[in-house]
C-alpha atoms as a PDB file:
ATOM      1  CA  UNK A   1      12.154   1.741  17.976  1.00  0.00           C
ATOM      2  CA  UNK A   2       9.788   0.394  19.612  1.00  0.00           C
ATOM      3  CA  UNK A   3       6.217   0.113  18.549  1.00  0.00           C
ATOM      4  CA  UNK A   4       4.493   2.610  20.816  1.00  0.00           C
ATOM      5  CA  UNK A   5       1.110   1.871  20.619  1.00  0.00           C
ATOM      6  CA  UNK A   6      -1.839   0.133  18.618  1.00  0.00           C
ATOM      7  CA  UNK A   7      -4.246   3.213  17.237  1.00  0.00           C
ATOM      8  CA  UNK A   8      -7.983   2.325  16.573  1.00  0.00           C
ATOM      9  CA  UNK A   9      -9.658   5.184  14.686  1.00  0.00           C
ATOM     10  CA  UNK A  10     -13.292   5.583  14.853  1.00  0.00           C
ATOM     11  CA  UNK A  11     -15.006   5.718  11.452  1.00  0.00           C
ATOM     12  CA  UNK A  12     -18.862   5.554   9.905  1.00  0.00           C
ATOM     13  CA  UNK A  13     -18.384   1.927   9.117  1.00  0.00           C
ATOM     14  CA  UNK A  14     -16.323   0.544  12.633  1.00  0.00           C
ATOM     15  CA  UNK A  15     -12.739   2.286  13.409  1.00  0.00           C
ATOM     16  CA  UNK A  16      -9.473   1.850  11.275  1.00  0.00           C
ATOM     17  CA  UNK A  17      -7.004  -0.238  13.334  1.00  0.00           C
ATOM     18  CA  UNK A  18      -2.789   1.132  13.153  1.00  0.00           C
ATOM     19  CA  UNK A  19       0.732   0.578  14.784  1.00  0.00           C
ATOM     20  CA  UNK A  20       2.464   3.353  15.519  1.00  0.00           C
ATOM     21  CA  UNK A  21       6.159   4.017  16.332  1.00  0.00           C
ATOM     22  CA  UNK A  22       7.883   7.042  17.827  1.00  0.00           C
ATOM     23  CA  UNK A  23       6.885  10.118  19.241  1.00  0.00           C
ATOM     24  CA  UNK A  24       3.296  11.369  17.743  1.00  0.00           C
ATOM     25  CA  UNK A  25       5.504  15.115  18.423  1.00  0.00           C
ATOM     26  CA  UNK A  26       7.466  14.185  15.956  1.00  0.00           C
ATOM     27  CA  UNK A  27       6.768  14.735  12.051  1.00  0.00           C
ATOM     28  CA  UNK A  28       4.349  11.928  10.290  1.00  0.00           C
ATOM     29  CA  UNK A  29       4.726   9.480   8.414  1.00  0.00           C
ATOM     30  CA  UNK A  30       1.590   7.733   7.305  1.00  0.00           C
ATOM     31  CA  UNK A  31       2.544   3.776   6.112  1.00  0.00           C
ATOM     32  CA  UNK A  32       0.112   1.893   3.514  1.00  0.00           C
ATOM     33  CA  UNK A  33       0.370  -1.884   2.785  1.00  0.00           C
ATOM     34  CA  UNK A  34      -0.389  -3.490  -0.395  1.00  0.00           C
ATOM     35  CA  UNK A  35      -3.231  -5.527  -1.931  1.00  0.00           C
ATOM     36  CA  UNK A  36      -4.371  -7.860   0.981  1.00  0.00           C
ATOM     37  CA  UNK A  37      -1.289  -7.513   3.357  1.00  0.00           C
ATOM     38  CA  UNK A  38      -1.985  -5.434   6.377  1.00  0.00           C
ATOM     39  CA  UNK A  39       0.296  -2.839   8.881  1.00  0.00           C
ATOM     40  CA  UNK A  40       2.780  -5.701   9.869  1.00  0.00           C
ATOM     41  CA  UNK A  41       3.986  -5.249   6.419  1.00  0.00           C
ATOM     42  CA  UNK A  42       6.219  -2.612   7.932  1.00  0.00           C
ATOM     43  CA  UNK A  43       7.676  -4.324  10.966  1.00  0.00           C
ATOM     44  CA  UNK A  44      10.772  -5.023   9.648  1.00  0.00           C
ATOM     45  CA  UNK A  45      10.979  -1.811   8.088  1.00  0.00           C
ATOM     46  CA  UNK A  46      10.108   0.897  10.058  1.00  0.00           C
ATOM     47  CA  UNK A  47      12.607   0.464  13.132  1.00  0.00           C
ATOM     48  CA  UNK A  48      15.839   0.490  10.597  1.00  0.00           C
ATOM     49  CA  UNK A  49      14.478   4.147   9.956  1.00  0.00           C
ATOM     50  CA  UNK A  50      15.344   7.713  11.422  1.00  0.00           C
ATOM     51  CA  UNK A  51      13.959   8.222  14.527  1.00  0.00           C
ATOM     52  CA  UNK A  52      12.829  11.480  14.747  1.00  0.00           C
ATOM     53  CA  UNK A  53       9.532  11.007  12.907  1.00  0.00           C
ATOM     54  CA  UNK A  54       6.265   9.220  13.771  1.00  0.00           C
ATOM     55  CA  UNK A  55       5.350   6.164  11.798  1.00  0.00           C
ATOM     56  CA  UNK A  56       1.952   5.560  11.659  1.00  0.00           C
ATOM     57  CA  UNK A  57       1.132   2.373   9.702  1.00  0.00           C
ATOM     58  CA  UNK A  58      -2.358   1.336   8.922  1.00  0.00           C
ATOM     59  CA  UNK A  59      -4.413  -1.528   8.456  1.00  0.00           C
ATOM     60  CA  UNK A  60      -7.003  -0.497   4.727  1.00  0.00           C
ATOM     61  CA  UNK A  61     -10.920  -1.200   5.482  1.00  0.00           C
ATOM     62  CA  UNK A  62     -11.463  -4.954   5.359  1.00  0.00           C
ATOM     63  CA  UNK A  63      -8.041  -5.953   5.836  1.00  0.00           C
ATOM     64  CA  UNK A  64      -5.512  -6.698   9.207  1.00  0.00           C
ATOM     65  CA  UNK A  65      -7.548  -5.458  12.398  1.00  0.00           C
ATOM     66  CA  UNK A  66      -9.568  -2.498  10.132  1.00  0.00           C
ATOM     67  CA  UNK A  67     -13.708  -3.234  10.345  1.00  0.00           C
ATOM     68  CA  UNK A  68     -15.109  -4.882   7.186  1.00  0.00           C
ATOM     69  CA  UNK A  69     -16.944  -2.166   5.276  1.00  0.00           C
ATOM     70  CA  UNK A  70     -20.624  -2.141   5.827  1.00  0.00           C
ATOM     71  CA  UNK A  71     -23.065  -4.482   3.481  1.00  0.00           C
ATOM     72  CA  UNK A  72     -22.973  -2.703  -0.089  1.00  0.00           C
ATOM     73  CA  UNK A  73     -20.661  -0.217   0.258  1.00  0.00           C
ATOM     74  CA  UNK A  74     -17.917  -1.552  -2.180  1.00  0.00           C
ATOM     75  CA  UNK A  75     -14.307  -1.466  -1.778  1.00  0.00           C
ATOM     76  CA  UNK A  76     -13.421   1.137  -4.658  1.00  0.00           C
ATOM     77  CA  UNK A  77      -9.819   1.908  -4.942  1.00  0.00           C
ATOM     78  CA  UNK A  78     -11.339   5.610  -4.090  1.00  0.00           C
ATOM     79  CA  UNK A  79     -12.523   4.718  -0.671  1.00  0.00           C
ATOM     80  CA  UNK A  80      -8.967   3.363   0.325  1.00  0.00           C
ATOM     81  CA  UNK A  81      -8.056   7.398  -0.698  1.00  0.00           C
ATOM     82  CA  UNK A  82     -10.941   8.467   1.034  1.00  0.00           C
ATOM     83  CA  UNK A  83      -9.686   6.347   4.306  1.00  0.00           C
ATOM     84  CA  UNK A  84      -6.049   7.807   4.238  1.00  0.00           C
ATOM     85  CA  UNK A  85      -8.069  11.462   4.483  1.00  0.00           C
ATOM     86  CA  UNK A  86     -10.185  10.363   7.242  1.00  0.00           C
ATOM     87  CA  UNK A  87      -7.107   8.844   9.253  1.00  0.00           C
ATOM     88  CA  UNK A  88      -5.515  12.089   8.925  1.00  0.00           C
ATOM     89  CA  UNK A  89      -8.414  13.932  10.142  1.00  0.00           C
ATOM     90  CA  UNK A  90      -8.738  11.708  12.885  1.00  0.00           C
ATOM     91  CA  UNK A  91      -4.940  12.073  13.541  1.00  0.00           C
ATOM     92  CA  UNK A  92      -5.628  15.820  13.365  1.00  0.00           C
ATOM     93  CA  UNK A  93      -2.636  15.873  10.280  1.00  0.00           C
ATOM     94  CA  UNK A  94      -2.586  19.041   8.114  1.00  0.00           C
ATOM     95  CA  UNK A  95       0.865  17.722   6.346  1.00  0.00           C
ATOM     96  CA  UNK A  96       2.722  14.687   6.468  1.00  0.00           C
ATOM     97  CA  UNK A  97       4.406  11.828   4.593  1.00  0.00           C
ATOM     98  CA  UNK A  98       3.288   8.608   2.752  1.00  0.00           C
ATOM     99  CA  UNK A  99       5.053   5.572   2.491  1.00  0.00           C
ATOM    100  CA  UNK A 100       3.621   3.303   0.288  1.00  0.00           C
ATOM    101  CA  UNK A 101       3.893  -0.285  -0.940  1.00  0.00           C
ATOM    102  CA  UNK A 102       2.618  -1.693  -4.496  1.00  0.00           C
ATOM    103  CA  UNK A 103      -1.030  -0.817  -3.866  1.00  0.00           C
ATOM    104  CA  UNK A 104      -0.657   1.137  -0.824  1.00  0.00           C
ATOM    105  CA  UNK A 105       1.844   3.415  -3.474  1.00  0.00           C
ATOM    106  CA  UNK A 106      -1.126   3.698  -5.587  1.00  0.00           C
ATOM    107  CA  UNK A 107      -3.533   4.910  -3.114  1.00  0.00           C
ATOM    108  CA  UNK A 108      -0.937   7.123  -1.601  1.00  0.00           C
ATOM    109  CA  UNK A 109      -0.355   8.744  -4.981  1.00  0.00           C
ATOM    110  CA  UNK A 110      -3.814   9.091  -5.732  1.00  0.00           C
ATOM    111  CA  UNK A 111      -4.029  10.981  -2.352  1.00  0.00           C
ATOM    112  CA  UNK A 112      -1.174  12.979  -3.242  1.00  0.00           C
ATOM    113  CA  UNK A 113      -2.552  13.967  -6.401  1.00  0.00           C
ATOM    114  CA  UNK A 114      -6.119  15.194  -4.988  1.00  0.00           C
ATOM    115  CA  UNK A 115      -4.918  16.295  -1.907  1.00  0.00           C
ATOM    116  CA  UNK A 116      -1.720  17.846  -2.759  1.00  0.00           C
ATOM    117  CA  UNK A 117      -0.965  20.185  -0.007  1.00  0.00           C
ATOM    118  CA  UNK A 118      -1.322  17.791   2.422  1.00  0.00           C
ATOM    119  CA  UNK A 119       1.777  15.422   1.172  1.00  0.00           C
ATOM    120  CA  UNK A 120       5.165  16.663   2.088  1.00  0.00           C
ATOM    121  CA  UNK A 121       6.962  13.584   0.750  1.00  0.00           C
ATOM    122  CA  UNK A 122       5.577  10.561  -1.321  1.00  0.00           C
ATOM    123  CA  UNK A 123       7.819   7.416  -1.188  1.00  0.00           C
ATOM    124  CA  UNK A 124       6.944   4.625  -3.477  1.00  0.00           C
ATOM    125  CA  UNK A 125       7.768   0.957  -2.526  1.00  0.00           C
ATOM    126  CA  UNK A 126       7.515  -1.340  -6.010  1.00  0.00           C
ATOM    127  CA  UNK A 127       4.643   0.859  -6.531  1.00  0.00           C
ATOM    128  CA  UNK A 128       3.094   3.750  -9.556  1.00  0.00           C
ATOM    129  CA  UNK A 129       1.167   6.717  -8.363  1.00  0.00           C
ATOM    130  CA  UNK A 130      -1.653   5.337 -10.878  1.00  0.00           C
ATOM    131  CA  UNK A 131      -2.947   2.343 -12.413  1.00  0.00           C
ATOM    132  CA  UNK A 132      -2.368   2.744 -16.401  1.00  0.00           C
ATOM    133  CA  UNK A 133      -4.815   0.875 -18.296  1.00  0.00           C
ATOM    134  CA  UNK A 134      -2.256   0.412 -21.062  1.00  0.00           C
ATOM    135  CA  UNK A 135      -3.038  -3.381 -21.703  1.00  0.00           C
ATOM    136  CA  UNK A 136      -6.528  -3.200 -19.978  1.00  0.00           C
ATOM    137  CA  UNK A 137      -9.047  -1.341 -22.091  1.00  0.00           C
ATOM    138  CA  UNK A 138     -10.977  -4.750 -23.140  1.00  0.00           C
ATOM    139  CA  UNK A 139     -10.360  -5.665 -19.802  1.00  0.00           C
ATOM    140  CA  UNK A 140     -12.465  -2.648 -17.733  1.00  0.00           C
ATOM    141  CA  UNK A 141     -15.904  -3.209 -18.097  1.00  0.00           C
ATOM    142  CA  UNK A 142     -15.346  -6.720 -17.327  1.00  0.00           C
ATOM    143  CA  UNK A 143     -13.627  -6.199 -14.285  1.00  0.00           C
ATOM    144  CA  UNK A 144     -16.251  -3.707 -13.112  1.00  0.00           C
ATOM    145  CA  UNK A 145     -19.087  -6.533 -13.576  1.00  0.00           C
ATOM    146  CA  UNK A 146     -17.168  -8.556 -11.829  1.00  0.00           C
ATOM    147  CA  UNK A 147     -16.579  -6.559  -8.619  1.00  0.00           C
ATOM    148  CA  UNK A 148     -20.243  -6.212  -8.389  1.00  0.00           C
ATOM    149  CA  UNK A 149     -21.106  -9.691  -9.037  1.00  0.00           C
ATOM    150  CA  UNK A 150     -18.708 -11.088  -6.567  1.00  0.00           C
ATOM    151  CA  UNK A 151     -19.808  -8.953  -4.022  1.00  0.00           C
ATOM    152  CA  UNK A 152     -23.243  -9.024  -4.352  1.00  0.00           C
ATOM    153  CA  UNK A 153     -22.524 -13.174  -4.192  1.00  0.00           C
ATOM    154  CA  UNK A 154     -20.507 -12.868  -0.826  1.00  0.00           C
ATOM    155  CA  UNK A 155     -23.082 -10.735   0.662  1.00  0.00           C
ATOM    156  CA  UNK A 156     -25.764 -13.286  -0.369  1.00  0.00           C
ATOM    157  CA  UNK A 157     -24.078 -16.624   1.004  1.00  0.00           C
ATOM    158  CA  UNK A 158     -24.146 -16.810   4.564  1.00  0.00           C
ATOM    159  CA  UNK A 159     -20.830 -19.184   4.375  1.00  0.00           C
ATOM    160  CA  UNK A 160     -18.704 -18.471   7.462  1.00  0.00           C
ATOM    161  CA  UNK A 161     -14.801 -18.270   7.241  1.00  0.00           C
ATOM    162  CA  UNK A 162     -12.882 -21.205   6.168  1.00  0.00           C
ATOM    163  CA  UNK A 163     -10.981 -22.415   9.116  1.00  0.00           C
ATOM    164  CA  UNK A 164      -7.296 -24.167   8.944  1.00  0.00           C
ATOM    165  CA  UNK A 165      -4.345 -25.388  10.713  1.00  0.00           C
ATOM    166  CA  UNK A 166      -1.797 -22.831  10.722  1.00  0.00           C
ATOM    167  CA  UNK A 167       0.625 -24.931   8.718  1.00  0.00           C
ATOM    168  CA  UNK A 168      -1.917 -25.174   5.692  1.00  0.00           C
ATOM    169  CA  UNK A 169      -2.624 -21.263   6.569  1.00  0.00           C
ATOM    170  CA  UNK A 170       1.010 -20.106   5.614  1.00  0.00           C
ATOM    171  CA  UNK A 171       1.626 -22.951   2.834  1.00  0.00           C
ATOM    172  CA  UNK A 172      -1.787 -21.101   1.170  1.00  0.00           C
ATOM    173  CA  UNK A 173      -0.602 -17.996   1.980  1.00  0.00           C
ATOM    174  CA  UNK A 174       3.040 -18.720   0.554  1.00  0.00           C
ATOM    175  CA  UNK A 175       1.492 -20.477  -2.460  1.00  0.00           C
ATOM    176  CA  UNK A 176      -0.504 -17.154  -3.670  1.00  0.00           C
ATOM    177  CA  UNK A 177       2.521 -14.865  -2.533  1.00  0.00           C
ATOM    178  CA  UNK A 178       5.735 -16.428  -4.424  1.00  0.00           C
ATOM    179  CA  UNK A 179       7.949 -13.045  -3.300  1.00  0.00           C
ATOM    180  CA  UNK A 180       6.861 -13.313   0.399  1.00  0.00           C
ATOM    181  CA  UNK A 181       9.830 -15.621   2.102  1.00  0.00           C
ATOM    182  CA  UNK A 182       8.455 -18.221   5.077  1.00  0.00           C
ATOM    183  CA  UNK A 183       9.523 -15.643   7.977  1.00  0.00           C
ATOM    184  CA  UNK A 184       7.614 -12.392   6.187  1.00  0.00           C
ATOM    185  CA  UNK A 185       4.456 -14.777   5.404  1.00  0.00           C
ATOM    186  CA  UNK A 186       3.842 -15.453   9.275  1.00  0.00           C
ATOM    187  CA  UNK A 187       4.586 -12.027   9.931  1.00  0.00           C
ATOM    188  CA  UNK A 188       1.213 -11.015   7.998  1.00  0.00           C
ATOM    189  CA  UNK A 189      -0.398 -13.808   9.136  1.00  0.00           C
ATOM    190  CA  UNK A 190       0.073 -12.879  12.672  1.00  0.00           C
ATOM    191  CA  UNK A 191      -2.397  -9.812  11.648  1.00  0.00           C
ATOM    192  CA  UNK A 192      -4.149 -11.021   8.766  1.00  0.00           C
ATOM    193  CA  UNK A 193      -5.666 -13.999  10.951  1.00  0.00           C
ATOM    194  CA  UNK A 194      -7.861 -14.802  13.909  1.00  0.00           C
ATOM    195  CA  UNK A 195      -6.922 -17.615  16.274  1.00  0.00           C
ATOM    196  CA  UNK A 196     -10.021 -20.013  16.364  1.00  0.00           C
ATOM    197  CA  UNK A 197      -9.857 -23.421  19.093  1.00  0.00           C
ATOM    198  CA  UNK A 198     -10.005 -25.671  15.427  1.00  0.00           C
ATOM    199  CA  UNK A 199      -7.301 -23.220  13.821  1.00  0.00           C
ATOM    200  CA  UNK A 200      -7.225 -20.213  12.021  1.00  0.00           C
ATOM    201  CA  UNK A 201      -9.548 -17.836  10.189  1.00  0.00           C
ATOM    202  CA  UNK A 202      -8.236 -15.140   7.336  1.00  0.00           C
ATOM    203  CA  UNK A 203      -9.295 -11.317   9.287  1.00  0.00           C
ATOM    204  CA  UNK A 204      -9.722 -10.260   5.705  1.00  0.00           C
ATOM    205  CA  UNK A 205     -13.238  -9.245   4.049  1.00  0.00           C
ATOM    206  CA  UNK A 206     -14.363 -12.126   1.253  1.00  0.00           C
ATOM    207  CA  UNK A 207     -15.794  -9.809  -0.932  1.00  0.00           C
ATOM    208  CA  UNK A 208     -11.913  -8.419  -1.665  1.00  0.00           C
ATOM    209  CA  UNK A 209     -10.624 -10.609  -4.390  1.00  0.00           C
ATOM    210  CA  UNK A 210      -8.101  -9.225  -6.998  1.00  0.00           C
ATOM    211  CA  UNK A 211      -6.819  -5.656  -7.047  1.00  0.00           C
ATOM    212  CA  UNK A 212      -7.738  -5.280 -10.849  1.00  0.00           C
ATOM    213  CA  UNK A 213     -11.363  -5.459  -9.895  1.00  0.00           C
ATOM    214  CA  UNK A 214     -10.783  -2.462  -7.950  1.00  0.00           C
ATOM    215  CA  UNK A 215      -8.744  -0.151  -9.481  1.00  0.00           C
ATOM    216  CA  UNK A 216      -9.302   2.914 -11.032  1.00  0.00           C
ATOM    217  CA  UNK A 217      -7.260   2.950 -14.667  1.00  0.00           C
ATOM    218  CA  UNK A 218      -6.045   5.896 -16.069  1.00  0.00           C
ATOM    219  CA  UNK A 219      -4.536   6.951 -19.623  1.00  0.00           C
ATOM    220  CA  UNK A 220      -1.210   8.261 -19.729  1.00  0.00           C
ATOM    221  CA  UNK A 221      -2.726  11.846 -20.719  1.00  0.00           C
ATOM    222  CA  UNK A 222      -4.861  11.451 -17.303  1.00  0.00           C
ATOM    223  CA  UNK A 223      -1.760  10.253 -15.842  1.00  0.00           C
ATOM    224  CA  UNK A 224       0.463  13.665 -16.793  1.00  0.00           C
ATOM    225  CA  UNK A 225      -2.164  15.621 -16.210  1.00  0.00           C
ATOM    226  CA  UNK A 226      -2.763  14.473 -12.867  1.00  0.00           C
ATOM    227  CA  UNK A 227       0.668  14.340 -11.580  1.00  0.00           C
ATOM    228  CA  UNK A 228       1.358  18.043 -12.305  1.00  0.00           C
ATOM    229  CA  UNK A 229      -0.759  19.050  -9.023  1.00  0.00           C
ATOM    230  CA  UNK A 230       1.996  16.951  -7.017  1.00  0.00           C
ATOM    231  CA  UNK A 231       3.518  19.686  -4.356  1.00  0.00           C
ATOM    232  CA  UNK A 232       5.362  16.478  -2.866  1.00  0.00           C
ATOM    233  CA  UNK A 233       9.244  15.367  -3.251  1.00  0.00           C
ATOM    234  CA  UNK A 234       9.006  11.722  -4.654  1.00  0.00           C
ATOM    235  CA  UNK A 235      10.537   8.648  -4.078  1.00  0.00           C
ATOM    236  CA  UNK A 236      10.322   5.520  -6.451  1.00  0.00           C
ATOM    237  CA  UNK A 237      12.070   2.389  -5.891  1.00  0.00           C
ATOM    238  CA  UNK A 238      12.014  -0.276  -8.143  1.00  0.00           C
ATOM    239  CA  UNK A 239      12.913  -4.180  -6.911  1.00  0.00           C
ATOM    240  CA  UNK A 240      14.949  -5.657  -9.871  1.00  0.00           C
ATOM    241  CA  UNK A 241      12.876  -8.835  -9.429  1.00  0.00           C
ATOM    242  CA  UNK A 242      10.025  -6.969  -8.441  1.00  0.00           C
ATOM    243  CA  UNK A 243       6.669  -6.759 -10.862  1.00  0.00           C
ATOM    244  CA  UNK A 244       5.868  -3.284 -11.397  1.00  0.00           C
ATOM    245  CA  UNK A 245       1.654  -4.811 -11.714  1.00  0.00           C
ATOM    246  CA  UNK A 246       0.601  -7.460  -9.161  1.00  0.00           C
ATOM    247  CA  UNK A 247      -1.857  -8.245 -12.083  1.00  0.00           C
ATOM    248  CA  UNK A 248       1.043  -9.961 -14.437  1.00  0.00           C
ATOM    249  CA  UNK A 249       3.511 -11.482 -12.606  1.00  0.00           C
ATOM    250  CA  UNK A 250       7.003 -10.965 -13.608  1.00  0.00           C
ATOM    251  CA  UNK A 251       5.942  -8.204 -15.730  1.00  0.00           C
ATOM    252  CA  UNK A 252       8.407  -7.428 -18.441  1.00  0.00           C
ATOM    253  CA  UNK A 253       6.337  -4.276 -19.869  1.00  0.00           C
ATOM    254  CA  UNK A 254       9.417  -1.688 -19.249  1.00  0.00           C
ATOM    255  CA  UNK A 255       7.648   0.809 -21.427  1.00  0.00           C
ATOM    256  CA  UNK A 256       5.124   1.264 -18.777  1.00  0.00           C
ATOM    257  CA  UNK A 257       7.942   1.911 -16.289  1.00  0.00           C
ATOM    258  CA  UNK A 258      10.058   4.399 -18.281  1.00  0.00           C
ATOM    259  CA  UNK A 259       6.698   6.014 -19.102  1.00  0.00           C
ATOM    260  CA  UNK A 260       6.240   6.403 -15.116  1.00  0.00           C
ATOM    261  CA  UNK A 261       9.386   7.469 -14.100  1.00  0.00           C
ATOM    262  CA  UNK A 262      10.127   9.705 -17.236  1.00  0.00           C
ATOM    263  CA  UNK A 263       6.333  11.532 -17.138  1.00  0.00           C
ATOM    264  CA  UNK A 264       7.598  11.855 -13.202  1.00  0.00           C
ATOM    265  CA  UNK A 265      10.952  13.254 -13.831  1.00  0.00           C
ATOM    266  CA  UNK A 266       9.969  15.484 -16.284  1.00  0.00           C
ATOM    267  CA  UNK A 267       7.658  16.841 -14.257  1.00  0.00           C
ATOM    268  CA  UNK A 268       9.031  17.373 -10.979  1.00  0.00           C
ATOM    269  CA  UNK A 269      12.219  17.858 -11.765  1.00  0.00           C
ATOM    270  CA  UNK A 270      14.757  17.547  -8.576  1.00  0.00           C
ATOM    271  CA  UNK A 271      11.599  17.057  -6.849  1.00  0.00           C
ATOM    272  CA  UNK A 272      11.897  13.048  -8.115  1.00  0.00           C
ATOM    273  CA  UNK A 273      14.407  10.358  -7.096  1.00  0.00           C
ATOM    274  CA  UNK A 274      14.483   6.904  -8.940  1.00  0.00           C
ATOM    275  CA  UNK A 275      16.492   4.414  -7.449  1.00  0.00           C
ATOM    276  CA  UNK A 276      16.606   0.319  -8.214  1.00  0.00           C
ATOM    277  CA  UNK A 277      17.544  -2.195  -5.466  1.00  0.00           C
ATOM    278  CA  UNK A 278      18.293  -5.646  -5.725  1.00  0.00           C
ATOM    279  CA  UNK A 279      15.507  -7.940  -4.196  1.00  0.00           C
ATOM    280  CA  UNK A 280      11.941  -9.018  -5.048  1.00  0.00           C
ATOM    281  CA  UNK A 281       8.098  -7.108  -4.941  1.00  0.00           C
ATOM    282  CA  UNK A 282       8.498  -7.163  -1.108  1.00  0.00           C
ATOM    283  CA  UNK A 283      12.333  -6.446  -0.624  1.00  0.00           C
ATOM    284  CA  UNK A 284      11.021  -4.075   1.996  1.00  0.00           C
ATOM    285  CA  UNK A 285      10.218  -7.343   4.540  1.00  0.00           C
ATOM    286  CA  UNK A 286      12.914  -9.171   2.710  1.00  0.00           C
ATOM    287  CA  UNK A 287      15.694  -7.025   2.921  1.00  0.00           C
ATOM    288  CA  UNK A 288      14.322  -3.986   4.528  1.00  0.00           C
ATOM    289  CA  UNK A 289      18.232  -3.191   4.899  1.00  0.00           C
ATOM    290  CA  UNK A 290      18.497  -2.442   1.298  1.00  0.00           C
ATOM    291  CA  UNK A 291      16.276   0.170   1.472  1.00  0.00           C
ATOM    292  CA  UNK A 292      16.556   1.946   4.406  1.00  0.00           C
ATOM    293  CA  UNK A 293      19.428   3.921   4.241  1.00  0.00           C
ATOM    294  CA  UNK A 294      17.581   5.202   1.065  1.00  0.00           C
ATOM    295  CA  UNK A 295      14.459   6.114   2.567  1.00  0.00           C
ATOM    296  CA  UNK A 296      16.193   7.775   5.721  1.00  0.00           C
ATOM    297  CA  UNK A 297      18.215  10.353   3.317  1.00  0.00           C
ATOM    298  CA  UNK A 298      15.082  10.781   1.495  1.00  0.00           C
ATOM    299  CA  UNK A 299      13.100  11.642   4.470  1.00  0.00           C
ATOM    300  CA  UNK A 300      15.668  13.484   6.207  1.00  0.00           C
ATOM    301  CA  UNK A 301      16.572  15.673   2.986  1.00  0.00           C
ATOM    302  CA  UNK A 302      15.226  19.142   3.864  1.00  0.00           C
ATOM    303  CA  UNK A 303      15.286  20.278  -0.174  1.00  0.00           C
ATOM    304  CA  UNK A 304      17.323  18.903  -2.844  1.00  0.00           C
ATOM    305  CA  UNK A 305      18.232  15.048  -2.853  1.00  0.00           C
ATOM    306  CA  UNK A 306      22.204  14.393  -2.661  1.00  0.00           C
ATOM    307  CA  UNK A 307      23.141  13.376  -6.146  1.00  0.00           C
ATOM    308  CA  UNK A 308      25.015  10.670  -4.762  1.00  0.00           C
ATOM    309  CA  UNK A 309      22.317   8.463  -4.147  1.00  0.00           C
END
């Protein structure tokens, strides 16, 4: 399935860039990338999925080829959720499916609970519909403070983006993203950097730093209350060597994953499906074939999910 087009959707602060596969007359699927990634995150997976859907992979604001937010406008989790609503309005979609990796799945999950009637199916790749605050109560105010201080600091400094050689850029990227192989790293940097005479610089907004500064952490009680709103069918894909939470690499806190999955299962019943696949956090890029069949069956399923999956 060839890439049909690059999209540029007007937003009050600039534009959201996206790439689309398939016919816009087909049922729509919006694909949401992970923190500091971009729409190229789905380049290897989407061509393996059913041809009878229209896939749009957007770059969140401040990522990829999308405009940066205006000075003074924070990159808050809820603003990314609001971007999904704006993109749906720009594309004139009333109902669609969501496919989100990592942070993108959390944005998609939150959107699906706030606008339940708009989401038909929700695919969470190595992700949770919300981030629970279990181990973070002590840090939450510190994170909020750091987010504000960092934003002020970057806005005050007029330092231009750092330009480095393509090789240096790739090595730096791979060092910070241990789960991304070289080939996939190049793919993400293709859309995530701009070439100038002396090398490359990162496109992303320097005000965006660590994801925990921008998360909306919620309690278990609020999690259970929120997922009751879901009307979508949900597919949760967990990689065996993935990490559940990007803030703590190789997080061994399986109790949290169990709480999330058991809450989703008991609330959604047959509308929920949980699958483990071999691979790491970027399995959708590194081994897209591990996921393609599972996601395809789920997208094409009418009501009940086949039991053999």
